């Protein structure tokens, strides 16, 4: 059974997110990257309350590529501890699922 997954991550800028996302798609680690600029994050980090403007990235891939995709994000991400979260997909239009699988074929 074909299973898809989303990977959620954040980047410090739209430019960095787009450059990284383009590489992930070119490497066929994911079929599509959605980048949402202008997110404000408020978070605790090393005992301090922090605020940052970031870009959200949602990567659409097949379930079996999630580990490799997370490793690729981790390898180039500028943060010491980036947010990299697998999001389970309960359902997807079959035609879109076919596109995800076609574009992530090795």
C-alpha atoms as a PDB file:
ATOM      1  CA  UNK A   1       0.000   0.000   0.000  1.00  0.00           C
ATOM      2  CA  UNK A   2       1.344   3.419  -0.950  1.00  0.00           C
ATOM      3  CA  UNK A   3       1.603   5.789   2.005  1.00  0.00           C
ATOM      4  CA  UNK A   4       2.422   9.467   1.899  1.00  0.00           C
ATOM      5  CA  UNK A   5       3.743  11.694   4.657  1.00  0.00           C
ATOM      6  CA  UNK A   6       4.351  15.374   5.216  1.00  0.00           C
ATOM      7  CA  UNK A   7       7.438  16.744   6.914  1.00  0.00           C
ATOM      8  CA  UNK A   8       7.055  20.077   8.701  1.00  0.00           C
ATOM      9  CA  UNK A   9      10.040  22.291   9.381  1.00  0.00           C
ATOM     10  CA  UNK A  10      10.841  25.977   9.808  1.00  0.00           C
ATOM     11  CA  UNK A  11      13.645  28.089   8.348  1.00  0.00           C
ATOM     12  CA  UNK A  12      15.073  31.462   9.348  1.00  0.00           C
ATOM     13  CA  UNK A  13      14.256  33.026   5.975  1.00  0.00           C
ATOM     14  CA  UNK A  14      12.177  32.524   2.848  1.00  0.00           C
ATOM     15  CA  UNK A  15      15.361  32.541   0.768  1.00  0.00           C
ATOM     16  CA  UNK A  16      16.970  29.718   2.771  1.00  0.00           C
ATOM     17  CA  UNK A  17      13.755  27.688   2.752  1.00  0.00           C
ATOM     18  CA  UNK A  18      13.331  28.024  -1.004  1.00  0.00           C
ATOM     19  CA  UNK A  19      16.941  27.087  -1.742  1.00  0.00           C
ATOM     20  CA  UNK A  20      16.729  24.043   0.517  1.00  0.00           C
ATOM     21  CA  UNK A  21      13.324  23.012  -0.811  1.00  0.00           C
ATOM     22  CA  UNK A  22      14.465  23.233  -4.411  1.00  0.00           C
ATOM     23  CA  UNK A  23      17.337  20.883  -3.591  1.00  0.00           C
ATOM     24  CA  UNK A  24      15.068  18.370  -1.851  1.00  0.00           C
ATOM     25  CA  UNK A  25      12.729  18.273  -4.855  1.00  0.00           C
ATOM     26  CA  UNK A  26      15.639  17.994  -7.309  1.00  0.00           C
ATOM     27  CA  UNK A  27      17.040  15.074  -5.276  1.00  0.00           C
ATOM     28  CA  UNK A  28      13.585  13.413  -5.418  1.00  0.00           C
ATOM     29  CA  UNK A  29      13.372  13.300  -1.626  1.00  0.00           C
ATOM     30  CA  UNK A  30       9.978  14.966  -1.893  1.00  0.00           C
ATOM     31  CA  UNK A  31       7.543  15.788  -4.672  1.00  0.00           C
ATOM     32  CA  UNK A  32       6.537  19.239  -3.489  1.00  0.00           C
ATOM     33  CA  UNK A  33       7.525  21.896  -0.997  1.00  0.00           C
ATOM     34  CA  UNK A  34       5.106  24.526   0.301  1.00  0.00           C
ATOM     35  CA  UNK A  35       6.752  27.548   1.906  1.00  0.00           C
ATOM     36  CA  UNK A  36       4.742  29.951   4.026  1.00  0.00           C
ATOM     37  CA  UNK A  37       6.652  33.147   4.845  1.00  0.00           C
ATOM     38  CA  UNK A  38       6.087  35.483   7.731  1.00  0.00           C
ATOM     39  CA  UNK A  39       5.490  33.128  10.643  1.00  0.00           C
ATOM     40  CA  UNK A  40       6.357  34.453  14.085  1.00  0.00           C
ATOM     41  CA  UNK A  41       7.704  31.898  16.547  1.00  0.00           C
ATOM     42  CA  UNK A  42       7.907  32.425  20.292  1.00  0.00           C
ATOM     43  CA  UNK A  43       9.813  29.663  22.032  1.00  0.00           C
ATOM     44  CA  UNK A  44      11.946  28.748  25.012  1.00  0.00           C
ATOM     45  CA  UNK A  45      15.603  28.154  24.185  1.00  0.00           C
ATOM     46  CA  UNK A  46      18.397  27.541  26.676  1.00  0.00           C
ATOM     47  CA  UNK A  47      16.530  29.221  29.521  1.00  0.00           C
ATOM     48  CA  UNK A  48      15.413  32.291  27.578  1.00  0.00           C
ATOM     49  CA  UNK A  49      12.216  33.292  25.853  1.00  0.00           C
ATOM     50  CA  UNK A  50      12.976  33.900  22.175  1.00  0.00           C
ATOM     51  CA  UNK A  51      11.085  35.412  19.248  1.00  0.00           C
ATOM     52  CA  UNK A  52      11.923  34.842  15.596  1.00  0.00           C
ATOM     53  CA  UNK A  53      10.391  35.452  12.215  1.00  0.00           C
ATOM     54  CA  UNK A  54      10.566  32.274  10.172  1.00  0.00           C
ATOM     55  CA  UNK A  55       9.259  30.543   7.079  1.00  0.00           C
ATOM     56  CA  UNK A  56       7.269  27.324   7.440  1.00  0.00           C
ATOM     57  CA  UNK A  57       8.108  24.512   5.035  1.00  0.00           C
ATOM     58  CA  UNK A  58       5.808  21.544   4.403  1.00  0.00           C
ATOM     59  CA  UNK A  59       7.389  18.780   2.328  1.00  0.00           C
ATOM     60  CA  UNK A  60       5.235  16.109   0.665  1.00  0.00           C
ATOM     61  CA  UNK A  61       6.811  12.709   0.170  1.00  0.00           C
ATOM     62  CA  UNK A  62       6.331   8.976   0.366  1.00  0.00           C
ATOM     63  CA  UNK A  63       6.476   7.408   3.840  1.00  0.00           C
ATOM     64  CA  UNK A  64       9.636   5.404   3.154  1.00  0.00           C
ATOM     65  CA  UNK A  65      11.597   8.560   2.260  1.00  0.00           C
ATOM     66  CA  UNK A  66      10.839  10.423   5.496  1.00  0.00           C
ATOM     67  CA  UNK A  67      14.028   9.295   7.259  1.00  0.00           C
ATOM     68  CA  UNK A  68      16.276  10.311   4.352  1.00  0.00           C
ATOM     69  CA  UNK A  69      14.419  13.609   3.981  1.00  0.00           C
ATOM     70  CA  UNK A  70      14.765  14.397   7.689  1.00  0.00           C
ATOM     71  CA  UNK A  71      18.492  13.594   7.484  1.00  0.00           C
ATOM     72  CA  UNK A  72      18.852  15.907   4.471  1.00  0.00           C
ATOM     73  CA  UNK A  73      17.076  18.751   6.295  1.00  0.00           C
ATOM     74  CA  UNK A  74      19.253  18.226   9.370  1.00  0.00           C
ATOM     75  CA  UNK A  75      22.449  18.175   7.273  1.00  0.00           C
ATOM     76  CA  UNK A  76      21.962  21.657   5.793  1.00  0.00           C
ATOM     77  CA  UNK A  77      19.772  23.425   8.325  1.00  0.00           C
ATOM     78  CA  UNK A  78      21.385  26.450  10.007  1.00  0.00           C
ATOM     79  CA  UNK A  79      19.760  25.830  13.408  1.00  0.00           C
ATOM     80  CA  UNK A  80      21.460  23.693  16.061  1.00  0.00           C
ATOM     81  CA  UNK A  81      18.146  21.952  16.739  1.00  0.00           C
ATOM     82  CA  UNK A  82      15.731  22.503  13.862  1.00  0.00           C
ATOM     83  CA  UNK A  83      12.067  21.617  14.088  1.00  0.00           C
ATOM     84  CA  UNK A  84      11.656  18.575  11.826  1.00  0.00           C
ATOM     85  CA  UNK A  85       8.346  16.800  12.336  1.00  0.00           C
ATOM     86  CA  UNK A  86       6.780  13.942  10.406  1.00  0.00           C
ATOM     87  CA  UNK A  87       3.051  14.491   9.991  1.00  0.00           C
ATOM     88  CA  UNK A  88       0.986  11.397   9.248  1.00  0.00           C
ATOM     89  CA  UNK A  89      -1.367  11.672   6.305  1.00  0.00           C
ATOM     90  CA  UNK A  90      -4.693   9.944   6.928  1.00  0.00           C
ATOM     91  CA  UNK A  91      -5.874  10.287   3.358  1.00  0.00           C
ATOM     92  CA  UNK A  92      -4.969  11.854   0.045  1.00  0.00           C
ATOM     93  CA  UNK A  93      -6.644  12.183  -3.314  1.00  0.00           C
ATOM     94  CA  UNK A  94      -5.494   9.110  -5.282  1.00  0.00           C
ATOM     95  CA  UNK A  95      -4.407  11.208  -8.265  1.00  0.00           C
ATOM     96  CA  UNK A  96      -2.305  13.476  -6.063  1.00  0.00           C
ATOM     97  CA  UNK A  97      -0.844  10.460  -4.276  1.00  0.00           C
ATOM     98  CA  UNK A  98       0.145   9.033  -7.664  1.00  0.00           C
ATOM     99  CA  UNK A  99       1.926  12.310  -8.468  1.00  0.00           C
ATOM    100  CA  UNK A 100       3.801  12.238  -5.159  1.00  0.00           C
ATOM    101  CA  UNK A 101       4.973   8.703  -5.877  1.00  0.00           C
ATOM    102  CA  UNK A 102       5.863   9.440  -9.502  1.00  0.00           C
ATOM    103  CA  UNK A 103       7.953  12.474  -8.568  1.00  0.00           C
ATOM    104  CA  UNK A 104       9.809  10.699  -5.756  1.00  0.00           C
ATOM    105  CA  UNK A 105      10.703   7.561  -7.703  1.00  0.00           C
ATOM    106  CA  UNK A 106      14.420   6.842  -7.434  1.00  0.00           C
END
